[in-house]
Amino acid sequence: DIAQLKSMLSKKESELHESELKVKKMEDLVGTKERELLKLRGSYEDTLGSLEQSKHDYTSLSKDMRLKETDRHEEVQTLKLKLQESQLQLSSVSVNEANAKNEIAVMMTDLNLKREE
């Protein structure tokens, strides 16, 4: 009886150790995802700044264009393309950020479930 109890205790200790290792792995993964999210947020902010600059440049050039429309036409078209590119980049970064947040939420849920076990 005692040997059987010791065996069961040993098995439970082993299971606990495995769970602790899984929790540690999940915590590491969450940390990695959080760092990725910070990088994405930085990229998002850079892209947003670029977008604002492109909008400002576009507005300035639009005013100049009234005076020199023929000379400025190509520059305006280029800025429009840059603005569209920045908006696409911003959309992409927003999607990546949302995906990373969802992954972190799933991992946190899994981590909480593992801790409850």
C-alpha atoms as a PDB file:
ATOM      1  CA  ASP A   1       0.000   0.000   0.000  1.00  0.00           C
ATOM      2  CA  ILE A   2       2.734   2.454   0.991  1.00  0.00           C
ATOM      3  CA  ALA A   3       4.778   1.503  -2.084  1.00  0.00           C
ATOM      4  CA  GLN A   4       1.731   2.096  -4.265  1.00  0.00           C
ATOM      5  CA  LEU A   5       1.160   5.487  -2.617  1.00  0.00           C
ATOM      6  CA  LYS A   6       4.829   6.365  -3.084  1.00  0.00           C
ATOM      7  CA  SER A   7       4.565   5.377  -6.733  1.00  0.00           C
ATOM      8  CA  MET A   8       1.454   7.522  -7.185  1.00  0.00           C
ATOM      9  CA  LEU A   9       3.162  10.417  -5.401  1.00  0.00           C
ATOM     10  CA  SER A  10       6.195  10.080  -7.651  1.00  0.00           C
ATOM     11  CA  LYS A  11       3.972  10.024 -10.726  1.00  0.00           C
ATOM     12  CA  LYS A  12       2.106  13.146  -9.567  1.00  0.00           C
ATOM     13  CA  GLU A  13       5.401  14.912  -8.827  1.00  0.00           C
ATOM     14  CA  SER A  14       6.567  14.039 -12.333  1.00  0.00           C
ATOM     15  CA  GLU A  15       3.320  15.365 -13.829  1.00  0.00           C
ATOM     16  CA  LEU A  16       3.672  18.522 -11.755  1.00  0.00           C
ATOM     17  CA  HIS A  17       7.232  18.997 -12.994  1.00  0.00           C
ATOM     18  CA  GLU A  18       6.077  18.545 -16.600  1.00  0.00           C
ATOM     19  CA  SER A  19       3.298  21.091 -16.054  1.00  0.00           C
ATOM     20  CA  GLU A  20       5.782  23.535 -14.536  1.00  0.00           C
ATOM     21  CA  LEU A  21       8.035  23.108 -17.582  1.00  0.00           C
ATOM     22  CA  LYS A  22       5.068  23.714 -19.896  1.00  0.00           C
ATOM     23  CA  VAL A  23       4.123  26.833 -17.918  1.00  0.00           C
ATOM     24  CA  LYS A  24       7.708  28.113 -18.142  1.00  0.00           C
ATOM     25  CA  LYS A  25       7.731  27.460 -21.894  1.00  0.00           C
ATOM     26  CA  MET A  26       4.423  29.326 -22.277  1.00  0.00           C
ATOM     27  CA  GLU A  27       5.743  32.223 -20.173  1.00  0.00           C
ATOM     28  CA  ASP A  28       8.825  32.400 -22.419  1.00  0.00           C
ATOM     29  CA  LEU A  29       6.612  32.336 -25.498  1.00  0.00           C
ATOM     30  CA  VAL A  30       4.412  35.091 -24.060  1.00  0.00           C
ATOM     31  CA  GLY A  31       7.530  37.159 -23.400  1.00  0.00           C
ATOM     32  CA  THR A  32       8.657  36.646 -26.974  1.00  0.00           C
ATOM     33  CA  LYS A  33       5.242  37.629 -28.323  1.00  0.00           C
ATOM     34  CA  GLU A  34       5.185  40.703 -26.085  1.00  0.00           C
ATOM     35  CA  ARG A  35       8.587  41.768 -27.473  1.00  0.00           C
ATOM     36  CA  GLU A  36       7.296  41.188 -31.001  1.00  0.00           C
ATOM     37  CA  LEU A  37       4.257  43.290 -30.167  1.00  0.00           C
ATOM     38  CA  LEU A  38       6.496  46.114 -28.923  1.00  0.00           C
ATOM     39  CA  LYS A  39       8.472  45.954 -32.177  1.00  0.00           C
ATOM     40  CA  LEU A  40       5.235  46.014 -34.167  1.00  0.00           C
ATOM     41  CA  ARG A  41       4.007  48.953 -32.133  1.00  0.00           C
ATOM     42  CA  GLY A  42       7.261  50.803 -32.887  1.00  0.00           C
ATOM     43  CA  SER A  43       6.884  49.997 -36.560  1.00  0.00           C
ATOM     44  CA  TYR A  44       3.257  51.130 -36.397  1.00  0.00           C
ATOM     45  CA  GLU A  45       4.295  54.450 -34.835  1.00  0.00           C
ATOM     46  CA  ASP A  46       7.058  54.936 -37.423  1.00  0.00           C
ATOM     47  CA  THR A  47       4.621  54.224 -40.230  1.00  0.00           C
ATOM     48  CA  LEU A  48       2.068  56.561 -38.699  1.00  0.00           C
ATOM     49  CA  GLY A  49       4.712  59.301 -38.526  1.00  0.00           C
ATOM     50  CA  SER A  50       5.608  58.623 -42.149  1.00  0.00           C
ATOM     51  CA  LEU A  51       1.927  58.804 -43.056  1.00  0.00           C
ATOM     52  CA  GLU A  52       1.529  62.138 -41.272  1.00  0.00           C
ATOM     53  CA  GLN A  53       4.632  63.487 -43.012  1.00  0.00           C
ATOM     54  CA  SER A  54       3.318  62.268 -46.370  1.00  0.00           C
ATOM     55  CA  LYS A  55      -0.033  63.940 -45.709  1.00  0.00           C
ATOM     56  CA  HIS A  56       1.732  67.166 -44.750  1.00  0.00           C
ATOM     57  CA  ASP A  57       3.972  67.000 -47.827  1.00  0.00           C
ATOM     58  CA  TYR A  58       0.981  66.283 -50.028  1.00  0.00           C
ATOM     59  CA  THR A  59      -0.917  69.268 -48.608  1.00  0.00           C
ATOM     60  CA  SER A  60       2.056  71.578 -49.096  1.00  0.00           C
ATOM     61  CA  LEU A  61       2.569  70.421 -52.630  1.00  0.00           C
ATOM     62  CA  SER A  62      -1.119  70.791 -53.431  1.00  0.00           C
ATOM     63  CA  LYS A  63      -0.870  74.493 -52.545  1.00  0.00           C
ATOM     64  CA  ASP A  64       2.256  74.919 -54.662  1.00  0.00           C
ATOM     65  CA  MET A  65       0.585  73.055 -57.492  1.00  0.00           C
ATOM     66  CA  ARG A  66      -1.966  75.850 -57.912  1.00  0.00           C
ATOM     67  CA  LEU A  67       0.926  78.128 -58.875  1.00  0.00           C
ATOM     68  CA  LYS A  68       3.024  75.622 -60.851  1.00  0.00           C
ATOM     69  CA  GLU A  69       0.640  72.790 -61.718  1.00  0.00           C
ATOM     70  CA  THR A  70       2.558  71.635 -64.784  1.00  0.00           C
ATOM     71  CA  ASP A  71       5.929  71.468 -62.983  1.00  0.00           C
ATOM     72  CA  ARG A  72       4.526  69.831 -59.858  1.00  0.00           C
ATOM     73  CA  HIS A  73       2.308  67.173 -61.406  1.00  0.00           C
ATOM     74  CA  GLU A  74       4.878  64.339 -61.170  1.00  0.00           C
ATOM     75  CA  GLU A  75       5.812  65.195 -57.576  1.00  0.00           C
ATOM     76  CA  VAL A  76       2.166  65.123 -56.490  1.00  0.00           C
ATOM     77  CA  GLN A  77       1.645  61.748 -58.134  1.00  0.00           C
ATOM     78  CA  THR A  78       4.729  60.376 -56.374  1.00  0.00           C
ATOM     79  CA  LEU A  79       3.512  61.651 -53.013  1.00  0.00           C
ATOM     80  CA  LYS A  80       0.102  60.130 -53.595  1.00  0.00           C
ATOM     81  CA  LEU A  81       1.773  56.788 -54.214  1.00  0.00           C
ATOM     82  CA  LYS A  82       3.893  57.203 -51.093  1.00  0.00           C
ATOM     83  CA  LEU A  83       0.776  58.069 -49.123  1.00  0.00           C
ATOM     84  CA  GLN A  84      -0.989  54.964 -50.405  1.00  0.00           C
ATOM     85  CA  GLU A  85       2.090  52.865 -49.640  1.00  0.00           C
ATOM     86  CA  SER A  86       2.251  54.271 -46.100  1.00  0.00           C
ATOM     87  CA  GLN A  87      -1.448  53.568 -45.605  1.00  0.00           C
ATOM     88  CA  LEU A  88      -0.946  49.988 -46.818  1.00  0.00           C
ATOM     89  CA  GLN A  89       2.008  49.583 -44.463  1.00  0.00           C
ATOM     90  CA  LEU A  90      -0.055  51.012 -41.626  1.00  0.00           C
ATOM     91  CA  SER A  91      -2.871  48.577 -42.382  1.00  0.00           C
ATOM     92  CA  SER A  92      -0.424  45.684 -42.497  1.00  0.00           C
ATOM     93  CA  VAL A  93       1.160  46.682 -39.191  1.00  0.00           C
ATOM     94  CA  SER A  94      -2.295  47.076 -37.619  1.00  0.00           C
ATOM     95  CA  VAL A  95      -3.257  43.572 -38.761  1.00  0.00           C
ATOM     96  CA  ASN A  96       0.029  42.154 -37.471  1.00  0.00           C
ATOM     97  CA  GLU A  97      -0.458  43.935 -34.151  1.00  0.00           C
ATOM     98  CA  ALA A  98      -4.001  42.584 -33.841  1.00  0.00           C
ATOM     99  CA  ASN A  99      -2.770  39.062 -34.657  1.00  0.00           C
ATOM    100  CA  ALA A 100       0.000  39.336 -32.083  1.00  0.00           C
ATOM    101  CA  LYS A 101      -2.470  40.572 -29.450  1.00  0.00           C
ATOM    102  CA  ASN A 102      -4.769  37.640 -30.236  1.00  0.00           C
ATOM    103  CA  GLU A 103      -1.887  35.186 -29.969  1.00  0.00           C
ATOM    104  CA  ILE A 104      -0.877  36.659 -26.616  1.00  0.00           C
ATOM    105  CA  ALA A 105      -4.473  36.452 -25.375  1.00  0.00           C
ATOM    106  CA  VAL A 106      -4.684  32.788 -26.407  1.00  0.00           C
ATOM    107  CA  MET A 107      -1.345  32.042 -24.747  1.00  0.00           C
ATOM    108  CA  MET A 108      -2.364  33.858 -21.580  1.00  0.00           C
ATOM    109  CA  THR A 109      -5.576  31.814 -21.489  1.00  0.00           C
ATOM    110  CA  ASP A 110      -3.599  28.601 -22.010  1.00  0.00           C
ATOM    111  CA  LEU A 111      -1.113  29.701 -19.355  1.00  0.00           C
ATOM    112  CA  ASN A 112      -3.922  30.412 -16.893  1.00  0.00           C
ATOM    113  CA  LEU A 113      -5.487  27.022 -17.628  1.00  0.00           C
ATOM    114  CA  LYS A 114      -2.129  25.301 -17.061  1.00  0.00           C
ATOM    115  CA  ARG A 115      -1.695  27.167 -13.770  1.00  0.00           C
ATOM    116  CA  GLU A 116      -5.145  26.128 -12.622  1.00  0.00           C
ATOM    117  CA  GLU A 117      -4.285  22.507 -13.314  1.00  0.00           C
END
